[in-house]
Protein backbone atom coordinates (compact mmCIF):
# COMPACT_ATOMS: atom_id res chain seq x y z
CA MET A 1 0.02 -0.01 0.11
CA LYS A 2 2.09 2.95 -1.25
CA LEU A 3 1.12 6.28 0.40
CA THR A 4 1.86 9.86 -1.18
CA LYS A 5 2.71 12.86 0.49
CA LYS A 6 -1.04 13.93 -0.08
CA ASP A 7 -2.07 10.64 1.54
CA LEU A 8 0.30 11.19 4.73
CA PHE A 9 -1.10 14.68 5.26
CA PHE A 10 -4.59 13.33 5.02
CA ILE A 11 -3.69 10.66 7.57
CA GLY A 12 -2.05 12.94 9.83
CA LEU A 13 -5.01 15.37 9.64
CA SER A 14 -7.26 12.47 10.67
CA ALA A 15 -5.16 11.51 13.34
CA VAL A 16 -4.86 15.11 14.80
CA SER A 17 -8.37 15.46 14.65
CA LEU A 18 -8.90 12.02 16.81
CA ALA A 19 -6.59 13.11 19.03
CA ALA A 20 -8.06 16.40 19.67
CA HIS A 21 -11.38 14.74 20.10
CA ALA A 22 -10.07 12.37 22.38
CA CYS A 23 -8.85 15.48 24.59
CA LEU A 24 -12.23 17.31 24.45
CA MET A 25 -14.12 13.85 25.44
CA THR A 26 -12.74 14.07 28.83
CA LYS A 27 -15.24 17.35 29.38
CA MET A 28 -18.07 15.73 27.58
CA PRO A 29 -21.01 14.48 29.73
CA ASP A 30 -21.48 10.63 29.87
CA THR A 31 -24.38 10.59 27.53
CA VAL A 32 -24.32 13.18 24.53
CA PRO A 33 -26.69 13.55 21.35
CA THR A 34 -25.50 11.67 18.35
CA ASN A 35 -28.43 11.89 16.01
CA TRP A 36 -30.75 14.67 14.74
CA SER A 37 -33.86 14.71 13.02
CA PHE A 38 -34.39 16.86 9.60
CA ASP A 39 -35.64 19.87 12.02
CA GLY A 40 -32.74 19.75 14.08
CA THR A 41 -34.07 17.99 17.25
CA VAL A 42 -32.22 15.28 18.88
CA ASN A 43 -33.57 12.11 18.38
CA SER A 44 -30.96 9.68 19.74
CA TYR A 45 -28.31 9.79 22.39
CA SER A 46 -25.29 7.63 23.19
CA SER A 47 -22.21 7.08 25.50
CA LYS A 48 -19.69 9.71 24.72
CA TYR A 49 -17.79 6.76 24.04
CA THR A 50 -19.24 6.27 20.82
CA THR A 51 -17.97 9.66 19.50
CA LEU A 52 -14.57 8.15 19.57
CA LEU A 53 -15.59 5.78 16.99
CA ILE A 54 -16.98 8.51 14.83
CA ALA A 55 -13.87 10.65 15.50
CA ALA A 56 -11.80 7.53 14.03
CA PHE A 57 -13.99 6.79 10.87
CA PRO A 58 -11.73 9.00 8.78
CA LEU A 59 -8.78 7.10 9.55
CA LEU A 60 -10.45 3.81 9.08
CA MET A 61 -12.06 5.11 5.89
CA ILE A 62 -8.55 6.11 4.44
CA PHE A 63 -7.06 2.48 5.28
CA LEU A 64 -9.85 0.71 3.84
CA MET A 65 -10.07 2.71 0.57
CA LYS A 66 -6.13 2.13 0.26
CA VAL A 67 -6.41 -1.57 0.53
CA ILE A 68 -9.46 -1.67 -1.91
CA PRO A 69 -7.49 -1.45 -5.11
CA HIS A 70 -5.15 -4.39 -4.02
CA ILE A 71 -8.38 -6.63 -3.32
CA ASP A 72 -10.44 -5.55 -6.40
CA PRO A 73 -10.15 -8.38 -9.28
CA ARG A 74 -10.05 -5.20 -11.70
CA LYS A 75 -7.22 -3.54 -9.89
CA LYS A 76 -5.74 -2.23 -13.24
CA SER A 77 -8.58 0.19 -13.38
CA TYR A 78 -7.50 2.19 -10.25
CA ALA A 79 -4.05 3.30 -12.18
CA LEU A 80 -6.46 4.50 -14.90
CA HIS A 81 -8.79 6.52 -12.48
CA LYS A 82 -6.07 7.37 -9.69
CA LYS A 83 -6.72 11.01 -9.73
CA ALA A 84 -10.58 10.59 -9.17
CA TYR A 85 -9.99 8.11 -6.65
CA ASP A 86 -7.70 10.14 -4.38
CA ILE A 87 -10.01 12.90 -4.88
CA PHE A 88 -12.97 10.86 -3.56
CA ILE A 89 -10.73 9.93 -0.23
CA TYR A 90 -9.53 13.48 0.35
CA VAL A 91 -12.82 15.09 0.14
CA LEU A 92 -14.57 12.21 2.07
CA THR A 93 -11.97 12.58 4.64
CA ILE A 94 -12.63 16.38 5.12
CA PHE A 95 -16.22 15.66 4.99
CA LEU A 96 -16.29 12.98 7.87
CA ILE A 97 -13.89 15.51 10.04
CA ALA A 98 -16.26 18.38 9.20
CA CYS A 99 -19.19 16.20 10.30
CA ASN A 100 -17.30 15.16 13.71
CA TRP A 101 -16.59 18.50 14.57
CA ALA A 102 -20.21 19.76 13.91
CA MET A 103 -21.36 17.29 16.29
CA ASN A 104 -18.96 18.11 18.84
CA ALA A 105 -19.95 22.06 18.53
CA ALA A 106 -23.42 20.89 19.00
CA ILE A 107 -22.83 18.67 22.09
CA PHE A 108 -21.11 21.66 23.76
CA GLY A 109 -23.95 23.81 23.09
CA LEU A 110 -22.68 26.04 20.05
CA PRO A 111 -24.99 27.60 17.67
CA VAL A 112 -24.26 25.02 14.73
CA ARG A 113 -27.51 23.96 12.80
CA ILE A 114 -26.87 20.21 12.16
CA GLU A 115 -29.88 19.97 9.98
CA GLN A 116 -28.18 22.63 7.48
CA VAL A 117 -24.53 21.64 7.83
CA ILE A 118 -24.96 17.98 7.00
CA PRO A 119 -27.11 18.67 3.95
CA TRP A 120 -24.55 21.13 2.67
CA GLY A 121 -21.77 18.99 3.31
CA VAL A 122 -23.39 16.12 1.46
CA GLY A 123 -24.43 18.17 -1.09
CA ILE A 124 -20.66 19.48 -1.83
CA LEU A 125 -19.49 15.99 -1.64
CA PHE A 126 -21.83 14.88 -4.33
CA VAL A 127 -20.93 17.85 -6.52
CA VAL A 128 -17.13 16.88 -6.14
CA ILE A 129 -18.09 13.30 -6.84
CA GLY A 130 -20.04 14.10 -10.06
CA ASN A 131 -17.14 16.11 -11.34
CA TYR A 132 -14.83 13.32 -11.27
CA MET A 133 -17.24 10.36 -11.82
CA PRO A 134 -16.78 10.14 -15.51
CA GLN A 135 -13.11 9.42 -14.93
CA LEU A 136 -13.89 6.21 -13.25
CA ARG A 137 -13.21 2.73 -15.03
CA PRO A 138 -14.82 -0.32 -14.53
CA ASN A 139 -14.21 -1.92 -10.97
CA TYR A 140 -16.38 -3.73 -8.30
CA PHE A 141 -16.30 -1.02 -5.48
CA MET A 142 -16.73 2.36 -6.70
CA GLY A 143 -19.30 3.75 -8.88
CA ILE A 144 -22.60 3.14 -10.41
CA ARG A 145 -22.18 -0.84 -10.56
CA THR A 146 -25.22 -1.71 -12.42
CA PRO A 147 -25.00 -5.28 -13.89
CA TRP A 148 -24.94 -3.78 -17.43
CA ALA A 149 -22.19 -1.19 -16.82
CA LEU A 150 -20.09 -4.09 -15.12
CA GLU A 151 -20.91 -6.13 -18.32
CA ASN A 152 -19.84 -3.71 -20.85
CA GLU A 153 -17.24 -0.96 -20.71
CA HIS A 154 -19.11 1.02 -23.18
CA VAL A 155 -22.20 1.15 -21.05
CA TRP A 156 -19.95 1.77 -18.04
CA LYS A 157 -18.67 5.23 -19.82
CA LYS A 158 -21.98 6.27 -20.80
CA THR A 159 -23.69 5.51 -17.30
CA HIS A 160 -20.77 7.53 -15.66
CA SER A 161 -20.95 10.45 -17.70
CA MET A 162 -24.71 10.44 -17.12
CA GLY A 163 -23.99 9.83 -13.38
CA GLY A 164 -21.68 13.02 -13.17
CA ILE A 165 -24.48 14.97 -14.25
CA VAL A 166 -26.86 13.66 -11.87
CA PHE A 167 -24.76 13.58 -9.02
CA CYS A 168 -23.87 17.34 -9.69
CA LEU A 169 -27.58 18.06 -9.85
CA MET A 170 -28.46 16.13 -6.59
CA GLY A 171 -25.55 18.10 -4.85
CA LEU A 172 -26.91 21.53 -5.85
CA LEU A 173 -30.56 20.08 -4.75
CA LEU A 174 -29.12 19.07 -1.40
CA ILE A 175 -27.13 22.49 -0.94
CA ALA A 176 -30.34 24.63 -1.86
CA ALA A 177 -32.69 22.25 0.34
CA GLY A 178 -30.30 23.13 3.46
CA PHE A 179 -31.64 26.72 3.57
CA PHE A 180 -35.39 25.74 3.79
CA SER A 181 -37.66 23.68 6.03
CA SER A 182 -37.28 20.03 7.07
CA GLU A 183 -40.26 19.04 4.89
CA ILE A 184 -38.69 20.39 1.62
CA MET A 185 -35.52 18.28 2.89
CA ILE A 186 -37.64 15.36 2.94
CA GLY A 187 -39.20 16.05 -0.24
CA VAL A 188 -35.59 16.38 -2.12
CA LEU A 189 -34.19 13.40 -0.57
CA THR A 190 -37.38 11.26 -1.43
CA PHE A 191 -37.88 12.55 -4.99
CA GLY A 192 -34.48 14.08 -5.82
CA ILE A 193 -32.28 11.68 -4.73
CA LEU A 194 -34.23 8.51 -5.00
CA GLY A 195 -35.28 9.79 -8.42
CA GLY A 196 -31.77 10.41 -9.66
CA CYS A 197 -30.61 6.79 -8.60
CA VAL A 198 -33.41 5.13 -10.18
CA TRP A 199 -32.99 7.07 -13.44
CA LEU A 200 -29.47 6.03 -13.62
CA TYR A 201 -30.20 2.52 -13.22
CA VAL A 202 -32.93 2.62 -16.03
CA TYR A 203 -30.43 4.69 -17.95
CA SER A 204 -27.70 2.01 -17.73
CA TRP A 205 -30.21 -0.64 -18.57
CA MET A 206 -31.49 1.61 -21.82
CA VAL A 207 -27.73 2.05 -23.14
CA TYR A 208 -27.28 -1.74 -22.80
CA ARG A 209 -30.48 -2.62 -24.45
CA LYS A 210 -29.71 -0.32 -27.47
CA LEU A 211 -26.10 -1.71 -27.56
CA MET A 212 -27.51 -5.15 -27.99
CA ARG A 213 -30.12 -4.17 -30.26
CA ASP A 214 -27.57 -2.65 -32.56
CA GLY A 215 -25.80 -5.83 -32.72
CA HIS A 216 -22.67 -4.96 -30.27
């Protein structure tokens, strides 16, 4: 598992965040909020030690995503989409660290609106993923892995080109929805995100069907 300087930077950033969280955890009450509803009210509490696992997740995620290219049967694809794959790792790391510290701020009563921070964060994540998604090559762990995309490289490319557009649109919808009420947020998630995912699945099948009909 070869690590670049950027990899080491984000590993270090995650480790510093985890260490800082561990220090802060000593000042937390024994039971803390760990889940919020769409309107910002707390709907779940856990032991403060649960937050340590949440804080460790960026490090665990980096390790997992660095191992995946070595166990994927299509490992050669990762050399072809290395830039996109690395961007996914780095942006996801920042997102997870930001979510952890937003939670910490809320635990200590700071004026952080979790119901806005999370949609904005996920929206930005989707936009970044959408911009780099067309670069992905066929693999078994990342991307829009419909049976038709995995079967045919042309279908994979077409599906991920469309996926890039759809993910950017879904991301912008989430960012916009974060400014509005919880009812609008639920509507965006139900019809925007679910609809986008269903469309990508149907689109992949349509591309494959046309390919087969044309005799390819």
